[in-house]
Protein backbone atom coordinates (compact mmCIF):
# COMPACT_ATOMS: atom_id res chain seq x y z
CA MET A 1 15.34 -35.68 -29.61
CA GLU A 2 17.31 -32.77 -28.16
CA LYS A 3 19.09 -30.57 -30.67
CA GLU A 4 22.87 -30.38 -30.70
CA LYS A 5 24.22 -27.24 -29.07
CA ILE A 6 27.28 -25.51 -27.73
CA THR A 7 26.34 -23.64 -24.56
CA ILE A 8 28.07 -20.62 -23.08
CA ILE A 9 27.94 -21.36 -19.37
CA GLU A 10 29.76 -18.35 -17.93
CA GLY A 11 30.91 -14.93 -18.95
CA PRO A 12 29.21 -12.13 -20.83
CA PRO A 13 26.88 -12.71 -23.79
CA PRO A 14 28.67 -13.16 -27.10
CA THR A 15 29.19 -10.18 -29.35
CA PHE A 16 28.22 -10.68 -32.96
CA GLU A 17 29.86 -8.87 -35.84
CA GLN A 18 28.16 -8.78 -39.21
CA ILE A 19 30.24 -10.23 -41.99
CA ASP A 20 30.21 -10.03 -45.73
CA ASP A 21 33.21 -12.19 -46.65
CA GLY A 22 32.87 -13.77 -50.08
CA TRP A 23 33.17 -17.40 -48.96
CA ALA A 24 30.91 -16.85 -45.94
CA MET A 25 28.11 -15.49 -48.14
CA GLY A 26 27.81 -19.01 -49.57
CA LEU A 27 26.65 -20.16 -46.14
CA ASN A 28 23.51 -18.04 -46.61
CA GLU A 29 22.15 -20.00 -49.57
CA GLY A 30 18.55 -21.02 -49.07
CA PRO A 31 14.94 -19.94 -49.51
CA SER A 32 15.15 -17.26 -46.79
CA LEU A 33 17.57 -14.42 -46.23
CA TYR A 34 19.42 -14.28 -42.94
CA ASP A 35 22.21 -12.13 -41.59
CA LEU A 36 25.56 -13.78 -41.11
CA ALA A 37 27.58 -12.95 -38.02
CA ILE A 38 30.85 -14.02 -36.49
CA THR A 39 31.62 -14.37 -32.80
CA ARG A 40 34.82 -15.23 -30.98
CA LEU A 41 34.70 -17.17 -27.71
CA ARG A 42 37.49 -18.16 -25.37
CA THR A 43 37.49 -21.86 -24.60
CA PHE A 44 39.58 -24.65 -23.14
CA ASN A 45 38.55 -27.26 -25.70
CA GLY A 46 38.18 -25.56 -29.07
CA ALA A 47 39.21 -28.58 -31.15
CA ALA A 48 36.63 -30.79 -29.42
CA LEU A 49 33.88 -28.22 -30.02
CA VAL A 50 34.77 -27.97 -33.71
CA GLU A 51 34.66 -31.77 -33.83
CA ARG A 52 31.14 -31.73 -32.31
CA CYS A 53 30.06 -29.32 -35.06
CA TYR A 54 31.61 -31.53 -37.73
CA ARG A 55 29.88 -34.67 -36.39
CA ALA A 56 26.49 -32.90 -36.38
CA TRP A 57 26.93 -31.59 -39.91
CA ASN A 58 28.20 -34.97 -41.09
CA LYS A 59 24.88 -36.46 -39.90
CA GLN A 60 23.00 -33.65 -41.74
CA ASP A 61 21.94 -32.20 -38.35
CA SER A 62 22.08 -28.61 -37.16
CA ILE A 63 24.06 -27.40 -34.18
CA PHE A 64 23.28 -24.22 -32.26
CA LEU A 65 25.14 -21.71 -30.12
CA HIS A 66 23.08 -21.44 -26.91
CA TYR A 67 23.62 -18.37 -24.73
CA LYS A 68 21.94 -15.79 -22.50
CA ASN A 69 21.47 -12.29 -23.90
CA ASP A 70 22.06 -9.02 -22.03
CA LEU A 71 18.64 -9.36 -20.34
CA GLY A 72 19.41 -12.90 -19.16
CA LEU A 73 16.99 -14.50 -21.63
CA GLU A 74 18.07 -17.68 -23.37
CA GLU A 75 18.72 -17.46 -27.11
CA SER A 76 20.25 -19.67 -29.74
CA ALA A 77 21.73 -19.20 -33.19
CA PRO A 78 22.47 -21.88 -35.80
CA ILE A 79 26.20 -22.44 -36.25
CA LEU A 80 27.19 -22.50 -39.92
CA ALA A 81 30.98 -22.82 -39.62
CA ALA A 82 33.49 -23.22 -36.80
CA ARG A 83 37.21 -22.89 -36.31
CA SER A 84 39.49 -23.14 -33.29
CA VAL A 85 42.67 -21.06 -33.12
CA GLU A 86 45.45 -20.85 -30.56
CA THR A 87 46.30 -17.31 -29.40
CA GLU A 88 48.65 -15.86 -26.80
CA ASP A 89 45.68 -15.74 -24.40
CA GLY A 90 44.62 -19.34 -25.04
CA GLN A 91 42.20 -21.07 -27.38
CA VAL A 92 39.55 -19.10 -29.23
CA LEU A 93 36.53 -20.67 -30.88
CA ILE A 94 35.43 -18.70 -33.93
CA LEU A 95 31.81 -19.34 -34.92
CA TRP A 96 29.94 -18.15 -37.98
CA VAL A 97 26.24 -18.07 -37.12
CA ARG A 98 22.95 -17.20 -38.79
CA ARG A 99 20.76 -14.50 -37.28
CA ASN A 100 17.40 -13.07 -38.26
CA PRO A 101 17.56 -9.93 -40.43
CA GLY A 102 17.94 -6.79 -38.31
CA GLU A 103 18.73 -8.77 -35.17
CA ASP A 104 21.72 -7.15 -33.50
CA ASP A 105 23.15 -6.32 -30.12
CA ASP A 106 21.99 -2.69 -30.18
CA ASP A 107 18.23 -3.31 -30.29
CA ILE A 108 17.70 -2.03 -26.75
CA ASP A 109 19.20 1.22 -25.50
CA PHE A 110 18.92 1.60 -21.74
CA ASP A 111 21.04 4.77 -21.70
CA ASP A 112 18.43 6.87 -23.49
CA ASP A 113 17.47 9.59 -21.00
CA GLU A 114 14.82 11.22 -23.14
CA GLU A 115 11.58 11.79 -21.33
CA LEU A 116 8.32 10.51 -22.73
CA ASP A 117 6.47 13.11 -24.77
CA PHE A 118 2.71 13.03 -24.24
CA GLY A 119 2.15 15.98 -26.55
CA ASP A 120 -0.70 18.24 -25.47
CA ASP A 121 -2.52 15.44 -23.68
CA ASP A 122 -3.15 15.81 -20.00
CA PRO A 123 -1.31 12.98 -18.19
CA GLU A 124 -4.47 12.32 -16.17
CA ASP A 125 -6.26 11.40 -19.44
CA LEU A 126 -3.74 8.65 -20.09
CA ILE A 127 -4.47 6.70 -16.90
């Protein structure tokens, strides 16, 4: 059986912000510790997506946010809470998700121009 998911089909990868709101910390109850994060996504059907989450949770199932990261690799995060709001720019889907501890958007830094330091070793010895 395929797991329930909300898939981002176009646009940049979502940005996740760590949260420590009092009520949201209750979402983290369980045998393992996870980081909680919030992401905001523009959508055309926010109410329907929230309804999909509610139906999955009502059946005691999980639902996941499915997206591609900055490298184009597919990832998913369990959705713990969802809300749709209307803004001046259109509908925004707010998702509270669970992420592994230490998992964040700044894990890889491609702008680091430092050269590799081989110490006193002769580069020929490293081949």
